[in-house]
Amino acid sequence: MLTRLLLGVAMCAIFFSSCTINKDFMFKTDKDYVFDQLVIDSTSIDYKISRTDVLAFDLYTNEGALMLQFTTSDLETPKYGGSREFTFTVDAEGYVEFPVIGRRYVVGKTIKELQDYLEELYAFQFKNPYAIVKVLNRRCIVFVGSGAKGTVVALENNGISIIEAIALAGGGQDYSDISKIKLIRKVKNEQQVYQIDLSTIEGIKYANLSVQAGDIIHISQTPQVGREILQDVQPFTSIISSLVITYGILARIF
């Protein structure tokens, strides 16, 4: 009777543990899932401004000569509009309301293109304007393969690559499968899913791809079925061991 009880407990342990195996895996895809085609070009390293981006904007005159002059002194650097840095948010339609020049479409421009564009627009009022634009809210999310644990990576510099973002998030962890890295990116209001293989040297062309704000980088995890079954069954084996010991004691007494 005790044997049957122990066998029943063991079967229940295995059954319930199997229901929780690898349940922390994210973004699973079927074997026949068709990934989107990732296009690599020479301009992909340059970040392009998108909707909801927060931009910091400074404008100097005389091609920024005064900025360099005051950089080496203790005096406050003069710039258009005083010493305060202007901050703007790109609206849902892709426009920014700039001082003097009004509402301008900025989505799709690189930072360099936007700076040149603003210098041209302000040239009618300021002598040889020098514009500086920064994107303040650029960040991506990286899941390095340890279950559903992720890291929010601030993209403080322009042109941060995928491999840099992974390194900033701590790199691949135990049981990470770097041959199956998913890059989830929003393109024209649609989520595109790309697969990248960094297990071979050929994948370096993808490793240098520039990360876009809002990207999700997910490193797949190799299933550890045996290890997780042992972890889940361990509490039940403790119960079984206690029952066996108790039965042995009672059998000696009676």
Foldseek 3Di string as FASTA:
>chain_A
DLVVVLVVLLVVLLVVLVVVFLPLFPDDDDPPDDADDDDFDPCLLFEWDDAFWKKWKWKAAPQCPQVVVCVPDPDQRDTPPGRDIDIWGQHPVQWTQDPPLGIDHRTGDGQVRVQVVVQVSCVVPGHRMGMHMATFQFWEKEAQAPRNDIDIGHCRDGRQFQLNSCVVGPHHDPQWQQQFKWKWDQDPNDTGIDTAGPPDPVRVSRRSRGDYGHIYIYTHGHGDVVVSSCVSSVVSVVVSVVVVVVVVVVVVVD
